[in-house]
């Protein structure tokens, strides 16, 4: 079961980055404009972020296994359709459908783990594998995208999901235990679902426009204002009329959930955009090819997986979660300060490998306990909602962080270095925030 849900999570995270290296080939093959090409990425990211809360609540409402299978099937079929695309609109529509499948699938994977393993060492080990696979998927996207595009076609970056998804579907039917819907007779509130989806999509779109046009651009301000208005209306509707809220207020009264999600928002604003700036640093500063860049990411993946699956679970039985997260965040900050020193004279060892080991160890130490904290003390009936909230927090943090870093750092001299310094400052802030977590260890 753990293998199956992690395979699904790997695909979801992989597809955030796997198409990046293939974008030039897509433009040549299908005749994309520069503006349209951006929607190959944004169609997936915006729909994914906007629907995460809804996807999480569906697992509570209709059953975790049922929703997992539905999300995995939709994601796999959308990948097949996208890989066969012959027009720009066809490909963008398929990427949006992938986003819907991912928004249903990602919370279900975490919900299955948190409801299958009671809080303690066994859940810690399961979450350690889940978080490590997520880190691996983000890194592998850059490497796999380069390999598939160079030796086969851009279509392979999407079609690779088809055999993985098909095998995972068959395995899921066999190994995931059936479960009964907890509140089958209570329907998901359509107004709240529409409001939160549109509101989060508008916010995410506004962040993207801020990165492209600046924070004062009319489209940026309009999107952010519309998103804020829709989310305010969502809170009112959920508080007064929803029989089954997407985010039960009782969840936010659990200190570990509230503090954990705030720290996750800031961590997502650091660790996800980091891959973007590292890619640009390798190619534009060190002159690496796409293939060399992908291979250069291997140490990041290997170190994060080794620490996250072997060291962190052992430490979580002996050290308080907040101490472990604080140490990991400060270690990651030190690594990012080192990474900021990269210049054209840097070697791979001093400019990439050294910093990678330091901040990857830090990330490996903090991710699992932070994920566990954001889901600690949650009733089984609200496990899907908590999972959707955490995933949404991470994705919105990533969008906000990338937009903020692009607009504040990229216009300056030595922009990449400044971006890594800002990421380091944010990681120090994560360390400060988690001091408010309740004392907890496995």
Protein backbone atom coordinates (compact mmCIF):
# COMPACT_ATOMS: atom_id res chain seq x y z
CA UNK A 1 0.00 0.00 0.00
CA UNK A 2 2.80 2.39 0.87
CA UNK A 3 4.51 1.65 -2.44
CA UNK A 4 1.32 2.31 -4.41
CA UNK A 5 0.43 5.63 -2.80
CA UNK A 6 4.04 6.81 -3.08
CA UNK A 7 4.10 5.91 -6.79
CA UNK A 8 1.01 8.06 -7.27
CA UNK A 9 2.52 10.94 -5.28
CA UNK A 10 5.71 10.66 -7.33
CA UNK A 11 3.74 11.17 -10.56
CA UNK A 12 1.91 14.20 -9.17
CA UNK A 13 5.11 15.95 -8.09
CA UNK A 14 7.03 14.84 -11.18
CA UNK A 15 4.57 16.56 -13.50
CA UNK A 16 5.14 19.93 -11.87
CA UNK A 17 8.65 20.05 -13.35
CA UNK A 18 9.04 17.31 -15.98
CA UNK A 19 7.76 19.45 -18.86
CA UNK A 20 10.10 22.39 -18.17
CA UNK A 21 13.02 21.10 -20.22
CA UNK A 22 10.62 19.97 -22.99
CA UNK A 23 8.96 23.39 -23.49
CA UNK A 24 11.14 24.49 -26.44
CA UNK A 25 10.39 21.21 -28.24
CA UNK A 26 6.67 21.65 -27.59
CA UNK A 27 6.78 25.14 -29.07
CA UNK A 28 8.47 23.89 -32.23
CA UNK A 29 6.24 20.84 -32.61
CA UNK A 30 2.82 22.42 -31.94
CA UNK A 31 3.42 26.06 -32.88
CA UNK A 32 3.00 27.64 -29.45
CA UNK A 33 3.41 31.38 -28.94
CA UNK A 34 5.59 32.46 -26.01
CA UNK A 35 2.49 33.41 -24.00
CA UNK A 36 0.70 30.17 -24.81
CA UNK A 37 3.72 28.10 -23.87
CA UNK A 38 3.53 29.36 -20.31
CA UNK A 39 0.08 27.83 -20.00
CA UNK A 40 1.55 24.35 -20.44
CA UNK A 41 2.95 24.86 -16.94
CA UNK A 42 0.29 27.16 -15.48
CA UNK A 43 -2.75 25.11 -16.59
CA UNK A 44 -1.51 22.25 -14.41
CA UNK A 45 -0.28 24.36 -11.50
CA UNK A 46 -3.33 26.65 -11.22
CA UNK A 47 -5.95 23.90 -11.40
CA UNK A 48 -3.92 21.73 -9.02
CA UNK A 49 -3.62 24.48 -6.40
CA UNK A 50 -7.21 25.64 -6.76
CA UNK A 51 -8.82 22.22 -6.31
CA UNK A 52 -6.70 20.78 -3.51
CA UNK A 53 -9.13 21.61 -0.70
CA UNK A 54 -12.00 20.11 -2.65
CA UNK A 55 -9.94 17.01 -3.47
CA UNK A 56 -9.05 16.52 0.18
CA UNK A 57 -12.65 16.72 1.34
CA UNK A 58 -13.80 14.25 -1.33
CA UNK A 59 -11.75 11.52 0.38
CA UNK A 60 -13.70 12.11 3.61
CA UNK A 61 -17.02 12.22 1.81
CA UNK A 62 -16.83 9.35 -0.67
CA UNK A 63 -14.13 7.09 0.73
CA UNK A 64 -10.36 7.21 0.45
CA UNK A 65 -9.85 4.21 -1.86
CA UNK A 66 -12.64 5.23 -4.22
CA UNK A 67 -11.33 8.80 -4.55
CA UNK A 68 -7.72 7.60 -4.90
CA UNK A 69 -8.67 5.32 -7.80
CA UNK A 70 -10.76 8.02 -9.49
CA UNK A 71 -7.95 10.60 -9.24
CA UNK A 72 -5.32 8.16 -10.46
CA UNK A 73 -7.48 7.09 -13.43
CA UNK A 74 -8.18 10.71 -14.45
CA UNK A 75 -4.52 11.68 -14.12
CA UNK A 76 -3.37 8.70 -16.19
CA UNK A 77 -5.93 9.26 -18.95
CA UNK A 78 -5.15 12.99 -19.09
CA UNK A 79 -1.44 12.15 -19.45
CA UNK A 80 -2.25 9.87 -22.38
CA UNK A 81 -4.39 12.54 -24.06
CA UNK A 82 -1.68 15.17 -23.54
CA UNK A 83 1.00 12.92 -24.97
CA UNK A 84 -1.06 12.54 -28.16
CA UNK A 85 -1.84 16.27 -28.51
CA UNK A 86 -1.65 17.83 -31.98
CA UNK A 87 -2.63 21.43 -31.14
CA UNK A 88 -1.71 23.89 -28.38
CA UNK A 89 -5.27 24.00 -27.04
CA UNK A 90 -5.42 20.20 -26.86
CA UNK A 91 -2.23 20.04 -24.80
CA UNK A 92 -3.26 22.86 -22.46
CA UNK A 93 -6.65 21.22 -21.87
CA UNK A 94 -4.96 17.91 -21.08
CA UNK A 95 -2.61 19.62 -18.62
CA UNK A 96 -5.62 21.21 -16.88
CA UNK A 97 -7.26 17.76 -16.65
CA UNK A 98 -4.02 16.44 -15.14
CA UNK A 99 -4.31 19.21 -12.55
CA UNK A 100 -7.82 18.05 -11.63
CA UNK A 101 -6.61 14.46 -11.24
CA UNK A 102 -3.60 15.59 -9.20
CA UNK A 103 -5.76 17.71 -6.88
CA UNK A 104 -7.93 14.67 -6.13
CA UNK A 105 -5.03 12.23 -5.95
CA UNK A 106 -2.43 14.07 -3.83
CA UNK A 107 -4.58 14.58 -0.70
CA UNK A 108 -5.90 11.01 -1.00
CA UNK A 109 -2.37 9.57 -0.87
CA UNK A 110 -1.61 11.35 2.40
CA UNK A 111 -5.06 10.63 3.84
CA UNK A 112 -4.62 6.90 3.22
CA UNK A 113 -1.30 6.98 5.09
CA UNK A 114 -2.51 9.03 8.06
CA UNK A 115 -5.62 6.85 8.52
CA UNK A 116 -3.80 3.55 7.96
CA UNK A 117 -0.97 4.22 10.42
CA UNK A 118 -1.67 5.45 13.95
CA UNK A 119 0.42 8.33 15.26
CA UNK A 120 3.80 7.00 16.32
CA UNK A 121 6.87 5.33 14.82
CA UNK A 122 5.01 3.44 12.05
CA UNK A 123 3.29 6.61 10.79
CA UNK A 124 6.60 8.45 11.01
CA UNK A 125 8.30 5.88 8.80
CA UNK A 126 5.45 5.96 6.29
CA UNK A 127 5.46 9.78 6.17
CA UNK A 128 9.25 9.76 5.81
CA UNK A 129 9.00 7.63 2.68
CA UNK A 130 6.10 9.76 1.34
CA UNK A 131 7.97 13.05 1.81
CA UNK A 132 11.22 11.63 0.41
CA UNK A 133 9.41 10.38 -2.70
CA UNK A 134 7.91 13.85 -3.12
CA UNK A 135 11.38 15.40 -2.99
CA UNK A 136 12.64 12.80 -5.46
CA UNK A 137 9.79 13.53 -7.85
CA UNK A 138 10.59 17.24 -7.94
CA UNK A 139 14.26 16.61 -8.65
CA UNK A 140 13.70 13.72 -11.03
CA UNK A 141 11.43 15.87 -13.18
CA UNK A 142 14.36 17.95 -14.38
CA UNK A 143 16.55 14.92 -15.11
CA UNK A 144 13.83 12.76 -16.64
CA UNK A 145 12.49 15.60 -18.74
CA UNK A 146 15.92 16.19 -20.25
CA UNK A 147 16.58 12.51 -20.95
CA UNK A 148 13.17 11.80 -22.47
CA UNK A 149 13.17 14.92 -24.62
CA UNK A 150 16.69 14.43 -25.91
CA UNK A 151 16.48 10.70 -26.67
CA UNK A 152 12.80 10.33 -27.57
CA UNK A 153 10.30 13.22 -27.72
CA UNK A 154 8.59 15.82 -25.58
CA UNK A 155 5.54 13.53 -25.73
CA UNK A 156 7.36 11.03 -23.54
CA UNK A 157 7.34 13.49 -20.61
CA UNK A 158 3.58 12.91 -20.43
CA UNK A 159 3.29 9.36 -21.75
CA UNK A 160 5.70 8.10 -19.07
CA UNK A 161 2.80 8.44 -16.59
CA UNK A 162 0.64 5.96 -18.50
CA UNK A 163 2.43 2.69 -17.64
CA UNK A 164 3.16 3.88 -14.10
CA UNK A 165 -0.46 4.88 -13.59
CA UNK A 166 -1.81 1.65 -15.09
CA UNK A 167 0.35 -0.51 -12.82
CA UNK A 168 -0.54 1.62 -9.79
CA UNK A 169 -4.27 1.27 -10.57
CA UNK A 170 -4.09 -2.52 -10.69
CA UNK A 171 -2.00 -2.65 -7.52
CA UNK A 172 -4.26 -0.18 -5.70
CA UNK A 173 -7.34 -2.31 -6.31
CA UNK A 174 -5.53 -5.25 -4.70
CA UNK A 175 -3.63 -3.72 -1.80
CA UNK A 176 -5.54 -0.67 -0.52
CA UNK A 177 -8.10 -1.73 2.05
CA UNK A 178 -11.72 -0.78 1.32
CA UNK A 179 -13.15 1.94 3.54
CA UNK A 180 -16.62 3.27 4.15
CA UNK A 181 -17.43 6.89 3.38
CA UNK A 182 -17.61 8.72 6.68
CA UNK A 183 -20.32 11.17 5.74
CA UNK A 184 -21.76 9.75 2.58
CA UNK A 185 -25.17 11.33 3.10
CA UNK A 186 -23.79 14.83 3.50
CA UNK A 187 -23.13 16.50 0.18
CA UNK A 188 -20.11 18.67 -0.45
CA UNK A 189 -21.27 22.29 -0.58
CA UNK A 190 -21.09 23.37 -4.20
CA UNK A 191 -20.95 27.15 -3.51
CA UNK A 192 -18.00 26.77 -1.12
CA UNK A 193 -16.17 24.42 -3.49
CA UNK A 194 -16.60 26.84 -6.39
CA UNK A 195 -15.59 29.87 -4.34
CA UNK A 196 -12.41 28.34 -2.90
CA UNK A 197 -11.37 26.86 -6.23
CA UNK A 198 -11.84 30.11 -8.13
CA UNK A 199 -10.36 32.18 -5.31
CA UNK A 200 -7.18 30.10 -4.99
CA UNK A 201 -6.81 29.91 -8.78
CA UNK A 202 -7.10 33.70 -8.98
CA UNK A 203 -4.51 34.15 -6.23
CA UNK A 204 -2.13 31.70 -7.91
CA UNK A 205 -2.67 33.42 -11.26
CA UNK A 206 -1.97 36.78 -9.63
CA UNK A 207 1.32 35.48 -8.25
CA UNK A 208 2.25 34.26 -11.71
CA UNK A 209 1.42 37.63 -13.25
CA UNK A 210 3.45 39.37 -10.54
CA UNK A 211 6.47 37.35 -11.60
CA UNK A 212 5.89 38.18 -15.26
CA UNK A 213 4.69 41.80 -15.11
CA UNK A 214 5.34 43.05 -11.57
CA UNK A 215 3.19 43.55 -8.48
CA UNK A 216 1.75 46.87 -9.69
CA UNK A 217 0.53 45.56 -13.06
CA UNK A 218 -3.27 45.90 -13.52
CA UNK A 219 -3.72 42.19 -14.23
CA UNK A 220 -1.77 41.29 -11.09
CA UNK A 221 -3.78 43.61 -8.86
CA UNK A 222 -7.08 42.57 -10.42
CA UNK A 223 -6.38 38.86 -9.99
CA UNK A 224 -5.21 39.24 -6.39
CA UNK A 225 -8.18 41.45 -5.48
CA UNK A 226 -10.64 39.03 -7.07
CA UNK A 227 -8.99 36.10 -5.29
CA UNK A 228 -9.11 37.88 -1.91
CA UNK A 229 -12.79 38.75 -2.41
CA UNK A 230 -13.72 35.19 -3.39
CA UNK A 231 -11.83 33.68 -0.44
CA UNK A 232 -13.50 36.13 1.96
CA UNK A 233 -16.88 35.11 0.60
CA UNK A 234 -15.81 31.46 0.94
CA UNK A 235 -15.09 31.93 4.66
CA UNK A 236 -18.51 33.53 5.18
CA UNK A 237 -20.33 30.77 3.30
CA UNK A 238 -18.42 28.00 5.08
CA UNK A 239 -18.93 29.50 8.53
CA UNK A 240 -22.67 30.17 8.18
CA UNK A 241 -24.21 27.69 5.76
CA UNK A 242 -21.93 24.72 4.97
CA UNK A 243 -23.04 21.41 6.51
CA UNK A 244 -19.65 19.86 5.65
CA UNK A 245 -17.00 22.64 5.59
CA UNK A 246 -13.98 22.16 3.35
CA UNK A 247 -11.85 23.52 6.22
CA UNK A 248 -13.55 22.83 9.56
CA UNK A 249 -12.75 25.66 11.96
CA UNK A 250 -12.03 23.01 14.59
CA UNK A 251 -8.93 22.01 12.58
CA UNK A 252 -7.45 25.48 12.87
CA UNK A 253 -7.95 25.38 16.63
CA UNK A 254 -5.49 22.47 16.83
CA UNK A 255 -2.21 24.23 17.54
CA UNK A 256 -0.01 21.74 15.68
CA UNK A 257 -2.19 22.04 12.56
CA UNK A 258 -2.30 25.84 12.59
CA UNK A 259 1.41 26.34 13.31
CA UNK A 260 2.43 23.45 11.07
CA UNK A 261 0.56 24.87 8.09
CA UNK A 262 1.99 28.35 8.63
CA UNK A 263 5.50 26.90 8.69
CA UNK A 264 4.64 24.74 5.64
CA UNK A 265 3.50 27.84 3.74
CA UNK A 266 6.87 29.50 4.31
CA UNK A 267 8.87 26.31 3.70
CA UNK A 268 7.02 25.81 0.41
CA UNK A 269 7.89 29.38 -0.54
CA UNK A 270 11.57 28.41 -0.14
CA UNK A 271 12.12 24.81 -1.10
CA UNK A 272 10.00 24.72 -4.28
CA UNK A 273 11.35 27.90 -5.98
CA UNK A 274 14.86 26.77 -5.08
CA UNK A 275 14.80 24.29 -8.00
CA UNK A 276 13.95 27.08 -10.44
CA UNK A 277 16.90 29.25 -9.39
CA UNK A 278 19.29 26.31 -9.22
CA UNK A 279 18.39 25.32 -12.79
CA UNK A 280 19.01 28.85 -14.05
CA UNK A 281 22.25 29.11 -12.08
CA UNK A 282 23.64 25.92 -13.58
CA UNK A 283 22.71 26.79 -17.16
CA UNK A 284 23.28 30.56 -17.20
CA UNK A 285 26.21 30.91 -14.78
CA UNK A 286 28.06 27.60 -15.18
CA UNK A 287 26.98 26.95 -18.78
CA UNK A 288 25.57 23.46 -18.19
CA UNK A 289 23.42 21.75 -20.81
CA UNK A 290 19.95 20.44 -19.95
CA UNK A 291 21.36 16.93 -19.53
CA UNK A 292 24.24 18.13 -17.34
CA UNK A 293 21.81 20.13 -15.22
CA UNK A 294 19.59 17.11 -14.68
CA UNK A 295 22.54 14.94 -13.67
CA UNK A 296 23.83 17.66 -11.34
CA UNK A 297 20.59 17.37 -9.35
CA UNK A 298 21.23 13.72 -8.42
CA UNK A 299 23.06 14.48 -5.13
CA UNK A 300 20.14 16.63 -3.98
CA UNK A 301 17.79 13.69 -4.46
CA UNK A 302 20.04 11.01 -2.98
CA UNK A 303 20.94 13.00 0.14
CA UNK A 304 17.35 14.08 0.82
CA UNK A 305 16.04 10.52 0.42
CA UNK A 306 18.80 9.00 2.59
CA UNK A 307 18.29 11.52 5.39
CA UNK A 308 14.50 11.60 5.09
CA UNK A 309 13.96 7.83 5.14
CA UNK A 310 16.78 6.64 7.41
CA UNK A 311 18.00 9.39 9.74
CA UNK A 312 14.88 11.47 10.36
CA UNK A 313 12.53 8.65 11.52
CA UNK A 314 15.21 7.47 13.97
CA UNK A 315 15.68 11.00 15.31
CA UNK A 316 11.93 11.62 15.65
CA UNK A 317 11.78 8.93 18.33
CA UNK A 318 14.45 10.71 20.34
CA UNK A 319 14.14 14.43 19.61
CA UNK A 320 11.10 16.73 19.79
CA UNK A 321 9.63 17.53 16.39
CA UNK A 322 10.04 21.29 16.81
CA UNK A 323 13.72 20.87 17.69
CA UNK A 324 14.27 18.70 14.62
CA UNK A 325 12.45 21.12 12.32
CA UNK A 326 14.38 24.07 13.77
CA UNK A 327 17.72 22.34 13.28
CA UNK A 328 16.82 21.32 9.72
CA UNK A 329 15.63 24.83 8.82
CA UNK A 330 18.79 26.49 10.16
CA UNK A 331 21.02 23.93 8.41
CA UNK A 332 19.14 24.53 5.15
CA UNK A 333 19.58 28.29 5.62
CA UNK A 334 23.35 27.82 5.96
CA UNK A 335 23.37 25.77 2.75
CA UNK A 336 21.47 28.46 0.85
CA UNK A 337 23.90 31.14 2.05
CA UNK A 338 26.71 28.99 0.66
CA UNK A 339 24.76 28.48 -2.59
CA UNK A 340 24.48 32.25 -2.95
CA UNK A 341 28.26 32.46 -3.43
CA UNK A 342 28.07 30.67 -6.83
CA UNK A 343 29.79 32.49 -9.70
CA UNK A 344 31.30 31.72 -13.07
CA UNK A 345 34.56 30.55 -11.51
CA UNK A 346 32.91 28.01 -9.19
CA UNK A 347 33.59 24.32 -9.66
CA UNK A 348 30.85 21.71 -9.40
CA UNK A 349 32.13 20.62 -5.98
CA UNK A 350 32.27 24.09 -4.41
CA UNK A 351 29.40 25.69 -6.31
CA UNK A 352 26.80 22.90 -6.43
CA UNK A 353 27.72 19.72 -4.55
CA UNK A 354 28.82 21.30 -1.26
CA UNK A 355 25.78 23.54 -0.79
CA UNK A 356 23.51 20.71 -2.02
CA UNK A 357 24.67 18.37 0.74
CA UNK A 358 24.11 20.98 3.44
CA UNK A 359 20.65 22.23 2.47
CA UNK A 360 19.45 18.78 1.37
CA UNK A 361 20.32 17.37 4.80
CA UNK A 362 18.38 20.27 6.32
CA UNK A 363 15.37 19.70 4.07
CA UNK A 364 15.46 15.97 4.79
CA UNK A 365 15.41 16.65 8.53
CA UNK A 366 12.49 19.11 8.53
CA UNK A 367 10.04 17.77 5.93
CA UNK A 368 8.79 14.65 7.70
CA UNK A 369 8.28 16.13 11.19
CA UNK A 370 6.64 19.21 9.67
CA UNK A 371 4.25 17.01 7.66
CA UNK A 372 3.51 14.97 10.78
CA UNK A 373 2.88 18.11 12.84
CA UNK A 374 0.45 19.54 10.27
CA UNK A 375 -1.61 16.31 10.52
CA UNK A 376 -1.22 15.58 14.24
CA UNK A 377 -4.28 15.37 16.46
CA UNK A 378 -6.71 15.39 13.50
CA UNK A 379 -9.90 13.28 13.85
CA UNK A 380 -10.25 10.51 11.25
CA UNK A 381 -13.40 12.19 9.90
CA UNK A 382 -11.37 15.27 8.96
CA UNK A 383 -8.16 13.56 7.77
CA UNK A 384 -8.86 14.39 4.13
CA UNK A 385 -9.56 18.03 4.92
CA UNK A 386 -6.28 18.29 6.86
CA UNK A 387 -4.37 16.65 4.02
CA UNK A 388 -5.92 18.96 1.43
CA UNK A 389 -5.16 21.99 3.59
CA UNK A 390 -1.51 21.03 3.97
CA UNK A 391 -1.04 20.30 0.27
CA UNK A 392 -2.78 23.54 -0.68
CA UNK A 393 -0.67 25.51 1.78
CA UNK A 394 2.51 24.13 0.24
CA UNK A 395 1.42 24.87 -3.35
CA UNK A 396 0.24 28.42 -2.60
CA UNK A 397 3.47 29.04 -0.69
CA UNK A 398 5.45 27.87 -3.72
CA UNK A 399 3.55 30.22 -6.05
CA UNK A 400 3.88 33.17 -3.67
CA UNK A 401 7.56 32.49 -3.02
CA UNK A 402 8.53 32.21 -6.68
CA UNK A 403 6.67 35.41 -7.61
CA UNK A 404 8.19 37.32 -4.70
CA UNK A 405 11.71 36.08 -5.42
CA UNK A 406 11.44 36.81 -9.14
CA UNK A 407 10.23 40.37 -8.63
CA UNK A 408 12.65 41.26 -5.82
CA UNK A 409 15.79 39.41 -6.86
CA UNK A 410 15.91 38.96 -10.61
CA UNK A 411 16.01 42.66 -11.44
CA UNK A 412 19.15 43.16 -9.37
CA UNK A 413 22.79 42.42 -10.08
CA UNK A 414 23.75 38.93 -8.92
CA UNK A 415 20.02 38.11 -8.81
CA UNK A 416 20.46 34.37 -8.27
CA UNK A 417 22.67 34.95 -5.24
CA UNK A 418 20.18 37.43 -3.80
CA UNK A 419 17.37 34.94 -4.31
CA UNK A 420 19.24 32.27 -2.33
CA UNK A 421 19.98 34.76 0.45
CA UNK A 422 16.27 35.61 0.70
CA UNK A 423 15.45 31.90 0.82
CA UNK A 424 17.94 31.54 3.69
CA UNK A 425 16.22 34.36 5.60
CA UNK A 426 12.84 32.69 5.10
CA UNK A 427 14.21 29.38 6.43
CA UNK A 428 15.35 31.17 9.58
CA UNK A 429 11.77 32.45 9.90
CA UNK A 430 10.51 28.85 9.65
CA UNK A 431 12.78 27.95 12.56
CA UNK A 432 11.26 30.79 14.60
CA UNK A 433 7.66 29.86 13.76
CA UNK A 434 7.95 26.21 14.80
CA UNK A 435 8.92 27.26 18.32
CA UNK A 436 5.15 27.60 18.84
CA UNK A 437 4.55 23.90 18.10
CA UNK A 438 3.53 21.77 21.09
CA UNK A 439 6.20 19.45 22.46
CA UNK A 440 5.90 16.16 20.59
CA UNK A 441 7.98 13.09 19.78
CA UNK A 442 7.15 9.56 18.65
